[in-house]
Amino acid sequence: CEYISYEDFTKYEKIRQILIEVHAPPGFDNGKEGEVVKDIKDSEVLKAQTESPTRRETKVLVNFFDSFAQNNLIMFSKEPNPWCRGSCLEYSFIRLKPSFLNPN
């Protein structure tokens, strides 16, 4: 699952380019309000069981994309995958030098 493995490849500096297909976070369409999803890092992403599924899903996605940005991986392409019927997108990232992003 991309929501578990992304830190493995965003932090590894030798990886210069990434193409990843992103699906809806697991467990958010099960209709079980307040249930903790076990296959995502519960302590970091899903801290409170009382949050709404939409709020938890937002945290998962923000943490996911923030990890790319914090490791100098910049999105340069986003495409829908028509075979997923709207439930997944393909993102391409390229790693830039920090000096390119912060020239001062």
PDB file of N, CA and C in Angstrom:
ATOM      1  N   CYS A   1       0.838  -1.186   0.000  1.00  0.00           N
ATOM      2  CA  CYS A   1       0.000   0.000   0.000  1.00  0.00           C
ATOM      3  C   CYS A   1       0.881   1.247   0.000  1.00  0.00           C
ATOM      4  N   GLU A   2       0.550   2.184  -0.842  1.00  0.00           N
ATOM      5  CA  GLU A   2       1.364   3.404  -0.958  1.00  0.00           C
ATOM      6  C   GLU A   2       1.381   4.242   0.313  1.00  0.00           C
ATOM      7  N   TYR A   3       0.367   4.113   1.147  1.00  0.00           N
ATOM      8  CA  TYR A   3       0.302   4.916   2.371  1.00  0.00           C
ATOM      9  C   TYR A   3       1.177   4.360   3.487  1.00  0.00           C
ATOM     10  N   ILE A   4       1.709   3.175   3.308  1.00  0.00           N
ATOM     11  CA  ILE A   4       2.628   2.592   4.272  1.00  0.00           C
ATOM     12  C   ILE A   4       4.062   2.703   3.774  1.00  0.00           C
ATOM     13  N   SER A   5       4.286   2.496   2.491  1.00  0.00           N
ATOM     14  CA  SER A   5       5.643   2.403   1.946  1.00  0.00           C
ATOM     15  C   SER A   5       6.243   3.714   1.457  1.00  0.00           C
ATOM     16  N   TYR A   6       5.471   4.783   1.369  1.00  0.00           N
ATOM     17  CA  TYR A   6       5.988   6.004   0.753  1.00  0.00           C
ATOM     18  C   TYR A   6       7.222   6.560   1.439  1.00  0.00           C
ATOM     19  N   GLU A   7       7.320   6.457   2.754  1.00  0.00           N
ATOM     20  CA  GLU A   7       8.489   7.006   3.445  1.00  0.00           C
ATOM     21  C   GLU A   7       9.764   6.257   3.079  1.00  0.00           C
ATOM     22  N   ASP A   8       9.634   4.985   2.722  1.00  0.00           N
ATOM     23  CA  ASP A   8      10.808   4.212   2.322  1.00  0.00           C
ATOM     24  C   ASP A   8      11.468   4.786   1.076  1.00  0.00           C
ATOM     25  N   PHE A   9      10.696   5.249   0.133  1.00  0.00           N
ATOM     26  CA  PHE A   9      11.311   5.764  -1.081  1.00  0.00           C
ATOM     27  C   PHE A   9      11.387   7.281  -1.149  1.00  0.00           C
ATOM     28  N   THR A  10      10.646   8.018  -0.343  1.00  0.00           N
ATOM     29  CA  THR A  10      10.799   9.480  -0.379  1.00  0.00           C
ATOM     30  C   THR A  10      12.075   9.916   0.327  1.00  0.00           C
ATOM     31  N   LYS A  11      12.504   9.189   1.342  1.00  0.00           N
ATOM     32  CA  LYS A  11      13.690   9.575   2.103  1.00  0.00           C
ATOM     33  C   LYS A  11      14.994   9.052   1.500  1.00  0.00           C
ATOM     34  N   TYR A  12      14.910   8.098   0.605  1.00  0.00           N
ATOM     35  CA  TYR A  12      16.109   7.516  -0.008  1.00  0.00           C
ATOM     36  C   TYR A  12      16.582   8.441  -1.123  1.00  0.00           C
ATOM     37  N   GLU A  13      17.662   9.177  -0.883  1.00  0.00           N
ATOM     38  CA  GLU A  13      18.093  10.259  -1.772  1.00  0.00           C
ATOM     39  C   GLU A  13      18.563   9.806  -3.149  1.00  0.00           C
ATOM     40  N   LYS A  14      18.913   8.551  -3.314  1.00  0.00           N
ATOM     41  CA  LYS A  14      19.376   8.090  -4.622  1.00  0.00           C
ATOM     42  C   LYS A  14      18.232   7.938  -5.614  1.00  0.00           C
ATOM     43  N   ILE A  15      17.017   7.892  -5.121  1.00  0.00           N
ATOM     44  CA  ILE A  15      15.866   7.843  -6.020  1.00  0.00           C
ATOM     45  C   ILE A  15      15.615   9.262  -6.520  1.00  0.00           C
ATOM     46  N   ARG A  16      15.696   9.441  -7.836  1.00  0.00           N
ATOM     47  CA  ARG A  16      15.577  10.771  -8.430  1.00  0.00           C
ATOM     48  C   ARG A  16      14.188  11.036  -9.003  1.00  0.00           C
ATOM     49  N   GLN A  17      13.470   9.980  -9.369  1.00  0.00           N
ATOM     50  CA  GLN A  17      12.159  10.165  -9.979  1.00  0.00           C
ATOM     51  C   GLN A  17      11.231   9.042  -9.531  1.00  0.00           C
ATOM     52  N   ILE A  18       9.968   9.404  -9.280  1.00  0.00           N
ATOM     53  CA  ILE A  18       8.985   8.438  -8.786  1.00  0.00           C
ATOM     54  C   ILE A  18       7.692   8.599  -9.576  1.00  0.00           C
ATOM     55  N   LEU A  19       7.137   7.482  -9.996  1.00  0.00           N
ATOM     56  CA  LEU A  19       5.789   7.427 -10.558  1.00  0.00           C
ATOM     57  C   LEU A  19       4.995   6.534  -9.619  1.00  0.00           C
ATOM     58  N   ILE A  20       3.910   7.052  -9.085  1.00  0.00           N
ATOM     59  CA  ILE A  20       3.119   6.292  -8.113  1.00  0.00           C
ATOM     60  C   ILE A  20       1.639   6.463  -8.399  1.00  0.00           C
ATOM     61  N   GLU A  21       0.920   5.357  -8.304  1.00  0.00           N
ATOM     62  CA  GLU A  21      -0.529   5.412  -8.440  1.00  0.00           C
ATOM     63  C   GLU A  21      -1.122   5.490  -7.038  1.00  0.00           C
ATOM     64  N   VAL A  22      -1.934   6.503  -6.811  1.00  0.00           N
ATOM     65  CA  VAL A  22      -2.506   6.749  -5.496  1.00  0.00           C
ATOM     66  C   VAL A  22      -3.992   6.411  -5.531  1.00  0.00           C
ATOM     67  N   HIS A  23      -4.390   5.540  -4.597  1.00  0.00           N
ATOM     68  CA  HIS A  23      -5.785   5.104  -4.474  1.00  0.00           C
ATOM     69  C   HIS A  23      -6.421   5.797  -3.285  1.00  0.00           C
ATOM     70  N   ALA A  24      -7.713   5.687  -3.167  1.00  0.00           N
ATOM     71  CA  ALA A  24      -8.390   6.194  -1.972  1.00  0.00           C
ATOM     72  C   ALA A  24      -7.798   5.483  -0.766  1.00  0.00           C
ATOM     73  N   PRO A  25      -7.532   6.199   0.329  1.00  0.00           N
ATOM     74  CA  PRO A  25      -6.961   5.545   1.515  1.00  0.00           C
ATOM     75  C   PRO A  25      -7.828   4.374   1.966  1.00  0.00           C
ATOM     76  N   PRO A  26      -7.187   3.265   2.376  1.00  0.00           N
ATOM     77  CA  PRO A  26      -7.948   2.066   2.737  1.00  0.00           C
ATOM     78  C   PRO A  26      -8.802   2.263   3.977  1.00  0.00           C
ATOM     79  N   GLY A  27      -9.965   1.656   3.984  1.00  0.00           N
ATOM     80  CA  GLY A  27     -10.817   1.650   5.157  1.00  0.00           C
ATOM     81  C   GLY A  27     -11.741   2.840   5.299  1.00  0.00           C
ATOM     82  N   PHE A  28     -11.657   3.808   4.413  1.00  0.00           N
ATOM     83  CA  PHE A  28     -12.477   4.997   4.567  1.00  0.00           C
ATOM     84  C   PHE A  28     -13.824   4.882   3.885  1.00  0.00           C
ATOM     85  N   ASP A  29     -13.994   3.857   3.108  1.00  0.00           N
ATOM     86  CA  ASP A  29     -15.286   3.679   2.452  1.00  0.00           C
ATOM     87  C   ASP A  29     -16.089   2.548   3.080  1.00  0.00           C
ATOM     88  N   ASN A  30     -15.684   2.123   4.282  1.00  0.00           N
ATOM     89  CA  ASN A  30     -16.396   1.003   4.890  1.00  0.00           C
ATOM     90  C   ASN A  30     -17.597   1.433   5.720  1.00  0.00           C
ATOM     91  N   GLY A  31     -17.782   2.731   5.884  1.00  0.00           N
ATOM     92  CA  GLY A  31     -18.957   3.225   6.582  1.00  0.00           C
ATOM     93  C   GLY A  31     -18.957   3.014   8.075  1.00  0.00           C
ATOM     94  N   LYS A  32     -17.825   2.658   8.651  1.00  0.00           N
ATOM     95  CA  LYS A  32     -17.753   2.399  10.084  1.00  0.00           C
ATOM     96  C   LYS A  32     -17.141   3.598  10.789  1.00  0.00           C
ATOM     97  N   GLU A  33     -17.954   4.544  11.130  1.00  0.00           N
ATOM     98  CA  GLU A  33     -17.546   5.780  11.797  1.00  0.00           C
ATOM     99  C   GLU A  33     -16.759   5.474  13.063  1.00  0.00           C
ATOM    100  N   GLY A  34     -15.587   6.101  13.207  1.00  0.00           N
ATOM    101  CA  GLY A  34     -14.806   5.978  14.424  1.00  0.00           C
ATOM    102  C   GLY A  34     -13.904   4.758  14.490  1.00  0.00           C
ATOM    103  N   GLU A  35     -13.924   3.901  13.471  1.00  0.00           N
ATOM    104  CA  GLU A  35     -13.087   2.709  13.495  1.00  0.00           C
ATOM    105  C   GLU A  35     -11.664   3.069  13.081  1.00  0.00           C
ATOM    106  N   VAL A  36     -10.691   2.536  13.784  1.00  0.00           N
ATOM    107  CA  VAL A  36      -9.289   2.796  13.444  1.00  0.00           C
ATOM    108  C   VAL A  36      -8.870   1.842  12.341  1.00  0.00           C
ATOM    109  N   VAL A  37      -8.227   2.366  11.316  1.00  0.00           N
ATOM    110  CA  VAL A  37      -7.733   1.548  10.226  1.00  0.00           C
ATOM    111  C   VAL A  37      -6.378   1.004  10.636  1.00  0.00           C
ATOM    112  N   LYS A  38      -6.207  -0.291  10.657  1.00  0.00           N
ATOM    113  CA  LYS A  38      -5.015  -0.919  11.202  1.00  0.00           C
ATOM    114  C   LYS A  38      -3.837  -0.942  10.243  1.00  0.00           C
ATOM    115  N   ASP A  39      -4.052  -0.831   8.935  1.00  0.00           N
ATOM    116  CA  ASP A  39      -2.930  -0.960   8.020  1.00  0.00           C
ATOM    117  C   ASP A  39      -2.255   0.367   7.692  1.00  0.00           C
ATOM    118  N   ILE A  40      -2.568   1.417   8.411  1.00  0.00           N
ATOM    119  CA  ILE A  40      -1.883   2.700   8.310  1.00  0.00           C
ATOM    120  C   ILE A  40      -1.336   3.000   9.686  1.00  0.00           C
ATOM    121  N   LYS A  41      -0.262   3.758   9.761  1.00  0.00           N
ATOM    122  CA  LYS A  41       0.364   4.070  11.035  1.00  0.00           C
ATOM    123  C   LYS A  41      -0.617   4.783  11.955  1.00  0.00           C
ATOM    124  N   ASP A  42      -1.252   4.030  12.841  1.00  0.00           N
ATOM    125  CA  ASP A  42      -2.299   4.567  13.710  1.00  0.00           C
ATOM    126  C   ASP A  42      -1.804   5.725  14.565  1.00  0.00           C
ATOM    127  N   SER A  43      -0.632   5.598  15.139  1.00  0.00           N
ATOM    128  CA  SER A  43      -0.164   6.616  16.078  1.00  0.00           C
ATOM    129  C   SER A  43       0.132   7.940  15.404  1.00  0.00           C
ATOM    130  N   GLU A  44       0.528   7.921  14.137  1.00  0.00           N
ATOM    131  CA  GLU A  44       0.882   9.159  13.445  1.00  0.00           C
ATOM    132  C   GLU A  44      -0.280   9.761  12.680  1.00  0.00           C
ATOM    133  N   VAL A  45      -1.046   8.936  12.019  1.00  0.00           N
ATOM    134  CA  VAL A  45      -2.054   9.433  11.088  1.00  0.00           C
ATOM    135  C   VAL A  45      -3.458   9.429  11.685  1.00  0.00           C
ATOM    136  N   LEU A  46      -3.790   8.406  12.425  1.00  0.00           N
ATOM    137  CA  LEU A  46      -5.151   8.250  12.937  1.00  0.00           C
ATOM    138  C   LEU A  46      -5.136   8.332  14.459  1.00  0.00           C
ATOM    139  N   LYS A  47      -4.881   9.493  15.000  1.00  0.00           N
ATOM    140  CA  LYS A  47      -4.686   9.644  16.444  1.00  0.00           C
ATOM    141  C   LYS A  47      -5.971   9.499  17.241  1.00  0.00           C
ATOM    142  N   ALA A  48      -7.056   9.951  16.741  1.00  0.00           N
ATOM    143  CA  ALA A  48      -8.296   9.921  17.528  1.00  0.00           C
ATOM    144  C   ALA A  48      -9.354   9.107  16.809  1.00  0.00           C
ATOM    145  N   GLN A  49      -9.912   8.164  17.503  1.00  0.00           N
ATOM    146  CA  GLN A  49     -10.955   7.336  16.910  1.00  0.00           C
ATOM    147  C   GLN A  49     -12.254   8.117  16.706  1.00  0.00           C
ATOM    148  N   THR A  50     -12.392   9.225  17.352  1.00  0.00           N
ATOM    149  CA  THR A  50     -13.639   9.978  17.260  1.00  0.00           C
ATOM    150  C   THR A  50     -13.694  10.899  16.049  1.00  0.00           C
ATOM    151  N   GLU A  51     -12.589  11.023  15.305  1.00  0.00           N
ATOM    152  CA  GLU A  51     -12.608  11.875  14.120  1.00  0.00           C
ATOM    153  C   GLU A  51     -13.469  11.255  13.033  1.00  0.00           C
ATOM    154  N   SER A  52     -14.004  12.110  12.202  1.00  0.00           N
ATOM    155  CA  SER A  52     -14.803  11.607  11.089  1.00  0.00           C
ATOM    156  C   SER A  52     -13.886  10.950  10.058  1.00  0.00           C
ATOM    157  N   PRO A  53     -14.393  10.007   9.276  1.00  0.00           N
ATOM    158  CA  PRO A  53     -13.573   9.387   8.223  1.00  0.00           C
ATOM    159  C   PRO A  53     -12.997  10.400   7.247  1.00  0.00           C
ATOM    160  N   THR A  54     -13.742  11.438   6.925  1.00  0.00           N
ATOM    161  CA  THR A  54     -13.240  12.446   5.998  1.00  0.00           C
ATOM    162  C   THR A  54     -12.037  13.176   6.582  1.00  0.00           C
ATOM    163  N   ARG A  55     -12.081  13.489   7.847  1.00  0.00           N
ATOM    164  CA  ARG A  55     -10.961  14.169   8.503  1.00  0.00           C
ATOM    165  C   ARG A  55      -9.726  13.268   8.550  1.00  0.00           C
ATOM    166  N   ARG A  56      -9.917  11.994   8.842  1.00  0.00           N
ATOM    167  CA  ARG A  56      -8.790  11.057   8.867  1.00  0.00           C
ATOM    168  C   ARG A  56      -8.197  10.898   7.475  1.00  0.00           C
ATOM    169  N   GLU A  57      -9.063  10.788   6.475  1.00  0.00           N
ATOM    170  CA  GLU A  57      -8.588  10.638   5.102  1.00  0.00           C
ATOM    171  C   GLU A  57      -7.758  11.853   4.697  1.00  0.00           C
ATOM    172  N   THR A  58      -8.191  13.032   5.094  1.00  0.00           N
ATOM    173  CA  THR A  58      -7.451  14.252   4.782  1.00  0.00           C
ATOM    174  C   THR A  58      -6.071  14.222   5.425  1.00  0.00           C
ATOM    175  N   LYS A  59      -5.974  13.785   6.683  1.00  0.00           N
ATOM    176  CA  LYS A  59      -4.678  13.706   7.354  1.00  0.00           C
ATOM    177  C   LYS A  59      -3.741  12.728   6.652  1.00  0.00           C
ATOM    178  N   VAL A  60      -4.275  11.603   6.233  1.00  0.00           N
ATOM    179  CA  VAL A  60      -3.471  10.610   5.530  1.00  0.00           C
ATOM    180  C   VAL A  60      -2.897  11.221   4.258  1.00  0.00           C
ATOM    181  N   LEU A  61      -3.741  11.875   3.488  1.00  0.00           N
ATOM    182  CA  LEU A  61      -3.293  12.460   2.224  1.00  0.00           C
ATOM    183  C   LEU A  61      -2.314  13.612   2.432  1.00  0.00           C
ATOM    184  N   VAL A  62      -2.557  14.456   3.414  1.00  0.00           N
ATOM    185  CA  VAL A  62      -1.645  15.579   3.695  1.00  0.00           C
ATOM    186  C   VAL A  62      -0.273  15.045   4.097  1.00  0.00           C
ATOM    187  N   ASN A  63      -0.238  14.069   5.002  1.00  0.00           N
ATOM    188  CA  ASN A  63       1.041  13.482   5.408  1.00  0.00           C
ATOM    189  C   ASN A  63       1.755  12.831   4.238  1.00  0.00           C
ATOM    190  N   PHE A  64       1.015  12.172   3.386  1.00  0.00           N
ATOM    191  CA  PHE A  64       1.576  11.511   2.210  1.00  0.00           C
ATOM    192  C   PHE A  64       2.266  12.521   1.301  1.00  0.00           C
ATOM    193  N   PHE A  65       1.543  13.569   0.908  1.00  0.00           N
ATOM    194  CA  PHE A  65       2.121  14.543  -0.016  1.00  0.00           C
ATOM    195  C   PHE A  65       3.167  15.439   0.656  1.00  0.00           C
ATOM    196  N   ASP A  66       3.015  15.715   1.932  1.00  0.00           N
ATOM    197  CA  ASP A  66       4.039  16.487   2.645  1.00  0.00           C
ATOM    198  C   ASP A  66       5.378  15.766   2.669  1.00  0.00           C
ATOM    199  N   SER A  67       5.353  14.460   2.790  1.00  0.00           N
ATOM    200  CA  SER A  67       6.600  13.697   2.802  1.00  0.00           C
ATOM    201  C   SER A  67       7.379  13.895   1.494  1.00  0.00           C
ATOM    202  N   PHE A  68       6.680  13.947   0.381  1.00  0.00           N
ATOM    203  CA  PHE A  68       7.353  14.194  -0.896  1.00  0.00           C
ATOM    204  C   PHE A  68       7.974  15.587  -0.903  1.00  0.00           C
ATOM    205  N   ALA A  69       7.221  16.585  -0.516  1.00  0.00           N
ATOM    206  CA  ALA A  69       7.714  17.968  -0.530  1.00  0.00           C
ATOM    207  C   ALA A  69       8.888  18.154   0.428  1.00  0.00           C
ATOM    208  N   GLN A  70       8.818  17.574   1.611  1.00  0.00           N
ATOM    209  CA  GLN A  70       9.883  17.713   2.596  1.00  0.00           C
ATOM    210  C   GLN A  70      11.173  17.049   2.138  1.00  0.00           C
ATOM    211  N   ASN A  71      11.083  16.134   1.207  1.00  0.00           N
ATOM    212  CA  ASN A  71      12.260  15.447   0.686  1.00  0.00           C
ATOM    213  C   ASN A  71      12.629  15.913  -0.724  1.00  0.00           C
ATOM    214  N   ASN A  72      12.203  17.128  -1.061  1.00  0.00           N
ATOM    215  CA  ASN A  72      12.549  17.789  -2.323  1.00  0.00           C
ATOM    216  C   ASN A  72      12.044  17.050  -3.565  1.00  0.00           C
ATOM    217  N   LEU A  73      10.959  16.324  -3.423  1.00  0.00           N
ATOM    218  CA  LEU A  73      10.331  15.659  -4.554  1.00  0.00           C
ATOM    219  C   LEU A  73       9.142  16.511  -4.996  1.00  0.00           C
ATOM    220  N   ILE A  74       9.229  17.012  -6.222  1.00  0.00           N
ATOM    221  CA  ILE A  74       8.257  17.959  -6.740  1.00  0.00           C
ATOM    222  C   ILE A  74       7.397  17.267  -7.800  1.00  0.00           C
ATOM    223  N   MET A  75       6.085  17.419  -7.675  1.00  0.00           N
ATOM    224  CA  MET A  75       5.177  16.821  -8.648  1.00  0.00           C
ATOM    225  C   MET A  75       5.287  17.552  -9.988  1.00  0.00           C
ATOM    226  N   PHE A  76       5.440  16.766 -11.063  1.00  0.00           N
ATOM    227  CA  PHE A  76       5.469  17.385 -12.383  1.00  0.00           C
ATOM    228  C   PHE A  76       4.401  16.816 -13.316  1.00  0.00           C
ATOM    229  N   SER A  77       3.673  15.811 -12.864  1.00  0.00           N
ATOM    230  CA  SER A  77       2.620  15.261 -13.701  1.00  0.00           C
ATOM    231  C   SER A  77       1.562  14.588 -12.819  1.00  0.00           C
ATOM    232  N   LYS A  78       0.312  14.706 -13.234  1.00  0.00           N
ATOM    233  CA  LYS A  78      -0.799  14.041 -12.555  1.00  0.00           C
ATOM    234  C   LYS A  78      -1.781  13.601 -13.633  1.00  0.00           C
ATOM    235  N   GLU A  79      -2.097  12.311 -13.644  1.00  0.00           N
ATOM    236  CA  GLU A  79      -3.017  11.782 -14.645  1.00  0.00           C
ATOM    237  C   GLU A  79      -4.018  10.841 -13.990  1.00  0.00           C
ATOM    238  N   PRO A  80      -5.258  10.887 -14.422  1.00  0.00           N
ATOM    239  CA  PRO A  80      -6.218   9.899 -13.928  1.00  0.00           C
ATOM    240  C   PRO A  80      -5.959   8.553 -14.601  1.00  0.00           C
ATOM    241  N   ASN A  81      -6.207   7.494 -13.871  1.00  0.00           N
ATOM    242  CA  ASN A  81      -6.139   6.167 -14.464  1.00  0.00           C
ATOM    243  C   ASN A  81      -7.576   5.766 -14.798  1.00  0.00           C
ATOM    244  N   PRO A  82      -7.920   5.709 -16.087  1.00  0.00           N
ATOM    245  CA  PRO A  82      -9.318   5.431 -16.455  1.00  0.00           C
ATOM    246  C   PRO A  82      -9.798   4.049 -16.031  1.00  0.00           C
ATOM    247  N   TRP A  83      -8.894   3.117 -15.793  1.00  0.00           N
ATOM    248  CA  TRP A  83      -9.287   1.769 -15.379  1.00  0.00           C
ATOM    249  C   TRP A  83      -9.784   1.742 -13.941  1.00  0.00           C
ATOM    250  N   CYS A  84      -9.447   2.770 -13.156  1.00  0.00           N
ATOM    251  CA  CYS A  84      -9.875   2.827 -11.746  1.00  0.00           C
ATOM    252  C   CYS A  84     -11.251   3.462 -11.579  1.00  0.00           C
ATOM    253  N   ARG A  85     -11.803   3.987 -12.657  1.00  0.00           N
ATOM    254  CA  ARG A  85     -13.121   4.628 -12.622  1.00  0.00           C
ATOM    255  C   ARG A  85     -13.187   5.768 -11.603  1.00  0.00           C
ATOM    256  N   GLY A  86     -12.124   6.598 -11.602  1.00  0.00           N
ATOM    257  CA  GLY A  86     -12.124   7.783 -10.755  1.00  0.00           C
ATOM    258  C   GLY A  86     -11.597   7.595  -9.354  1.00  0.00           C
ATOM    259  N   SER A  87     -11.181   6.393  -8.983  1.00  0.00           N
ATOM    260  CA  SER A  87     -10.730   6.179  -7.607  1.00  0.00           C
ATOM    261  C   SER A  87      -9.211   6.201  -7.444  1.00  0.00           C
ATOM    262  N   CYS A  88      -8.465   6.463  -8.518  1.00  0.00           N
ATOM    263  CA  CYS A  88      -7.008   6.542  -8.380  1.00  0.00           C
ATOM    264  C   CYS A  88      -6.414   7.492  -9.425  1.00  0.00           C
ATOM    265  N   LEU A  89      -5.276   8.049  -9.050  1.00  0.00           N
ATOM    266  CA  LEU A  89      -4.537   8.961  -9.916  1.00  0.00           C
ATOM    267  C   LEU A  89      -3.080   8.538  -9.944  1.00  0.00           C
ATOM    268  N   GLU A  90      -2.400   8.821 -11.052  1.00  0.00           N
ATOM    269  CA  GLU A  90      -0.970   8.567 -11.164  1.00  0.00           C
ATOM    270  C   GLU A  90      -0.235   9.900 -11.038  1.00  0.00           C
ATOM    271  N   TYR A  91       0.718   9.954 -10.117  1.00  0.00           N
ATOM    272  CA  TYR A  91       1.515  11.150  -9.883  1.00  0.00           C
ATOM    273  C   TYR A  91       2.961  10.853 -10.226  1.00  0.00           C
ATOM    274  N   SER A  92       3.630  11.834 -10.833  1.00  0.00           N
ATOM    275  CA  SER A  92       5.061  11.731 -11.104  1.00  0.00           C
ATOM    276  C   SER A  92       5.773  12.833 -10.332  1.00  0.00           C
ATOM    277  N   PHE A  93       6.867  12.451  -9.684  1.00  0.00           N
ATOM    278  CA  PHE A  93       7.664  13.375  -8.890  1.00  0.00           C
ATOM    279  C   PHE A  93       9.110  13.299  -9.351  1.00  0.00           C
ATOM    280  N   ILE A  94       9.805  14.415  -9.246  1.00  0.00           N
ATOM    281  CA  ILE A  94      11.235  14.462  -9.519  1.00  0.00           C
ATOM    282  C   ILE A  94      11.913  15.154  -8.344  1.00  0.00           C
ATOM    283  N   ARG A  95      13.094  14.628  -7.974  1.00  0.00           N
ATOM    284  CA  ARG A  95      13.827  15.212  -6.847  1.00  0.00           C
ATOM    285  C   ARG A  95      14.710  16.359  -7.363  1.00  0.00           C
ATOM    286  N   LEU A  96      14.541  17.519  -6.763  1.00  0.00           N
ATOM    287  CA  LEU A  96      15.352  18.682  -7.098  1.00  0.00           C
ATOM    288  C   LEU A  96      16.285  18.998  -5.939  1.00  0.00           C
ATOM    289  N   LYS A  97      17.367  19.669  -6.256  1.00  0.00           N
ATOM    290  CA  LYS A  97      18.289  20.093  -5.200  1.00  0.00           C
ATOM    291  C   LYS A  97      17.607  21.160  -4.357  1.00  0.00           C
ATOM    292  N   PRO A  98      17.858  21.165  -3.051  1.00  0.00           N
ATOM    293  CA  PRO A  98      17.256  22.203  -2.192  1.00  0.00           C
ATOM    294  C   PRO A  98      17.595  23.616  -2.659  1.00  0.00           C
ATOM    295  N   SER A  99      18.778  23.804  -3.236  1.00  0.00           N
ATOM    296  CA  SER A  99      19.165  25.140  -3.707  1.00  0.00           C
ATOM    297  C   SER A  99      18.284  25.610  -4.865  1.00  0.00           C
ATOM    298  N   PHE A 100      17.714  24.695  -5.615  1.00  0.00           N
ATOM    299  CA  PHE A 100      16.794  25.082  -6.689  1.00  0.00           C
ATOM    300  C   PHE A 100      15.492  25.598  -6.107  1.00  0.00           C
ATOM    301  N   LEU A 101      15.059  24.982  -5.025  1.00  0.00           N
ATOM    302  CA  LEU A 101      13.783  25.352  -4.408  1.00  0.00           C
ATOM    303  C   LEU A 101      13.897  26.597  -3.543  1.00  0.00           C
ATOM    304  N   ASN A 102      15.057  26.817  -2.937  1.00  0.00           N
ATOM    305  CA  ASN A 102      15.308  27.974  -2.066  1.00  0.00           C
ATOM    306  C   ASN A 102      16.591  28.661  -2.518  1.00  0.00           C
ATOM    307  N   PRO A 103      16.516  29.499  -3.547  1.00  0.00           N
ATOM    308  CA  PRO A 103      17.735  30.085  -4.141  1.00  0.00           C
ATOM    309  C   PRO A 103      18.487  31.054  -3.238  1.00  0.00           C
ATOM    310  N   ASN A 104      17.908  31.521  -2.168  1.00  0.00           N
ATOM    311  CA  ASN A 104      18.598  32.508  -1.316  1.00  0.00           C
ATOM    312  C   ASN A 104      19.518  31.873  -0.348  1.00  0.00           C
TER     313      ASN A 104
END
